[in-house]
Amino acid sequence: MHCSVKEGVSQTLQQNPAAGINRAARADGADDLESAFDLHGSALYRYALGVTGSREDAEDAVQEAFVRLARAGRIPCSGQVLARYLFRAACNAAISALRRRRRDRTVPLGISANTAASRYRYAMARLRLQLEDERNG
């Protein structure tokens, strides 16, 4: 988990040099993104895994949290503030992953739940029209 997330954040920073971090000196030694990852990455991963239930989604959530931190432009001064920021960012990313997964799920017929629901509504409307025609006809 650690290498792939670190590599993903590193690639993001290379692709977007403007997302660099102004590193403030910190008493707890987390003066850059890598140190922040070393301090909080494992706990964030375990948390995101508990929320999503998926290794891939958990890794993506942790990566997203660190990418957001990188794009913020600076690392918060306090270790507790940094931890809260990262956990909130990971939580938001994990919830987004769950929403995407729910939206994109398919039924055994190979269609999305939304498509099945709309087809069901159209079928019911058509049946109502046919029954009205038979009653009036």
Protein backbone atom coordinates (compact mmCIF):
# COMPACT_ATOMS: atom_id res chain seq x y z
CA MET A 1 0.00 0.00 0.00
CA HIS A 2 2.66 2.50 1.01
CA CYS A 3 4.68 2.46 -2.19
CA SER A 4 1.74 2.70 -4.56
CA VAL A 5 0.18 5.63 -2.71
CA LYS A 6 3.53 7.43 -2.39
CA GLU A 7 4.18 6.86 -6.09
CA GLY A 8 0.72 8.16 -7.01
CA VAL A 9 1.19 11.34 -4.98
CA SER A 10 4.66 11.80 -6.44
CA GLN A 11 3.30 11.44 -9.99
CA THR A 12 0.55 13.95 -9.27
CA LEU A 13 3.09 16.47 -8.04
CA GLN A 14 5.27 15.89 -11.11
CA GLN A 15 2.30 16.42 -13.41
CA ASN A 16 1.25 19.55 -11.54
CA PRO A 17 4.28 21.48 -10.29
CA ALA A 18 1.99 24.21 -8.97
CA ALA A 19 0.76 21.73 -6.37
CA GLY A 20 4.03 21.94 -4.45
CA ILE A 21 4.10 22.50 -0.72
CA ASN A 22 5.53 25.42 1.19
CA ARG A 23 7.07 23.47 4.02
CA ALA A 24 6.93 25.12 7.41
CA ALA A 25 9.32 23.91 10.08
CA ARG A 26 7.49 21.69 12.54
CA ALA A 27 8.36 20.44 16.00
CA ASP A 28 7.12 16.91 15.29
CA GLY A 29 9.46 16.45 12.32
CA ALA A 30 6.76 16.16 9.65
CA ASP A 31 8.18 18.91 7.46
CA ASP A 32 7.15 17.44 4.13
CA LEU A 33 4.61 15.23 2.45
CA GLU A 34 6.66 12.07 2.83
CA SER A 35 7.04 12.58 6.58
CA ALA A 36 3.31 13.23 6.86
CA PHE A 37 2.65 10.01 4.97
CA ASP A 38 5.04 8.08 7.21
CA LEU A 39 3.29 9.43 10.30
CA HIS A 40 -0.32 8.96 9.22
CA GLY A 41 -0.47 6.75 6.11
CA SER A 42 -1.05 3.40 7.83
CA ALA A 43 -3.73 4.71 10.16
CA LEU A 44 -5.47 6.48 7.27
CA TYR A 45 -5.41 3.29 5.21
CA ARG A 46 -6.91 1.22 8.04
CA TYR A 47 -9.59 3.85 8.56
CA ALA A 48 -10.47 4.08 4.86
CA LEU A 49 -10.50 0.28 4.60
CA GLY A 50 -13.02 0.16 7.42
CA VAL A 51 -15.21 2.70 5.66
CA THR A 52 -15.03 1.25 2.15
CA GLY A 53 -14.39 -2.44 2.75
CA SER A 54 -12.20 -2.42 -0.35
CA ARG A 55 -8.40 -2.33 -0.48
CA GLU A 56 -8.40 -0.49 -3.79
CA ASP A 57 -10.89 2.14 -2.62
CA ALA A 58 -8.98 2.57 0.66
CA GLU A 59 -5.70 3.14 -1.19
CA ASP A 60 -7.42 5.61 -3.49
CA ALA A 61 -8.90 7.47 -0.51
CA VAL A 62 -5.50 7.77 1.19
CA GLN A 63 -3.90 8.93 -2.03
CA GLU A 64 -6.66 11.48 -2.53
CA ALA A 65 -6.13 12.80 1.01
CA PHE A 66 -2.43 13.39 0.35
CA VAL A 67 -3.06 14.87 -3.08
CA ARG A 68 -5.49 17.33 -1.46
CA LEU A 69 -2.83 18.14 1.12
CA ALA A 70 -0.29 18.74 -1.64
CA ARG A 71 -2.69 20.98 -3.54
CA ALA A 72 -3.47 22.95 -0.38
CA GLY A 73 -0.03 24.51 -0.72
CA ARG A 74 1.20 23.99 2.83
CA ILE A 75 1.18 21.46 5.63
CA PRO A 76 -0.72 22.60 8.73
CA CYS A 77 1.57 23.51 11.64
CA SER A 78 0.18 21.25 14.34
CA GLY A 79 0.35 17.47 14.26
CA GLN A 80 -3.25 17.24 15.47
CA VAL A 81 -4.46 19.69 12.83
CA LEU A 82 -2.63 17.71 10.15
CA ALA A 83 -4.11 14.43 11.38
CA ARG A 84 -7.64 15.86 11.47
CA TYR A 85 -7.21 17.32 7.98
CA LEU A 86 -5.96 14.02 6.56
CA PHE A 87 -8.64 11.91 8.25
CA ARG A 88 -11.39 14.26 7.04
CA ALA A 89 -9.98 14.24 3.50
CA ALA A 90 -9.67 10.42 3.55
CA CYS A 91 -13.19 10.09 4.95
CA ASN A 92 -14.61 12.33 2.22
CA ALA A 93 -12.75 10.39 -0.48
CA ALA A 94 -13.91 7.05 0.98
CA ILE A 95 -17.53 8.19 1.06
CA SER A 96 -17.24 9.40 -2.52
CA ALA A 97 -15.90 5.98 -3.50
CA LEU A 98 -18.88 4.30 -1.83
CA ARG A 99 -21.27 6.60 -3.67
CA ARG A 100 -19.57 5.87 -6.98
CA ARG A 101 -19.67 2.15 -6.31
CA ARG A 102 -23.37 2.30 -5.38
CA ARG A 103 -24.19 4.40 -8.46
CA ASP A 104 -22.21 2.15 -10.79
CA ARG A 105 -23.34 -1.23 -9.48
CA THR A 106 -25.02 -3.53 -11.97
CA VAL A 107 -27.74 -6.11 -11.69
CA PRO A 108 -27.14 -9.71 -12.91
CA LEU A 109 -28.52 -8.64 -16.35
CA GLY A 110 -25.42 -6.44 -16.70
CA ILE A 111 -27.21 -3.08 -16.51
CA SER A 112 -26.95 -0.38 -13.87
CA ALA A 113 -29.54 -0.09 -11.12
CA ASN A 114 -30.59 3.32 -12.46
CA THR A 115 -31.23 1.88 -15.93
CA ALA A 116 -33.25 -0.99 -14.44
CA ALA A 117 -35.32 1.46 -12.38
CA SER A 118 -36.09 3.68 -15.35
CA ARG A 119 -37.07 0.69 -17.50
CA TYR A 120 -39.34 -0.48 -14.70
CA ARG A 121 -41.07 2.94 -14.55
CA TYR A 122 -41.58 3.02 -18.32
CA ALA A 123 -42.97 -0.53 -18.31
CA MET A 124 -45.43 0.31 -15.52
CA ALA A 125 -46.59 3.43 -17.37
CA ARG A 126 -47.13 1.43 -20.56
CA LEU A 127 -49.11 -1.23 -18.67
CA ARG A 128 -51.32 1.45 -17.11
CA LEU A 129 -52.08 2.86 -20.56
CA GLN A 130 -52.91 -0.56 -21.95
CA LEU A 131 -55.24 -1.34 -19.02
CA GLU A 132 -57.01 2.00 -19.46
CA ASP A 133 -57.46 1.30 -23.18
CA GLU A 134 -58.98 -2.13 -22.44
CA ARG A 135 -61.35 -0.68 -19.81
CA ASN A 136 -62.46 2.15 -22.11
CA GLY A 137 -62.41 0.19 -25.27
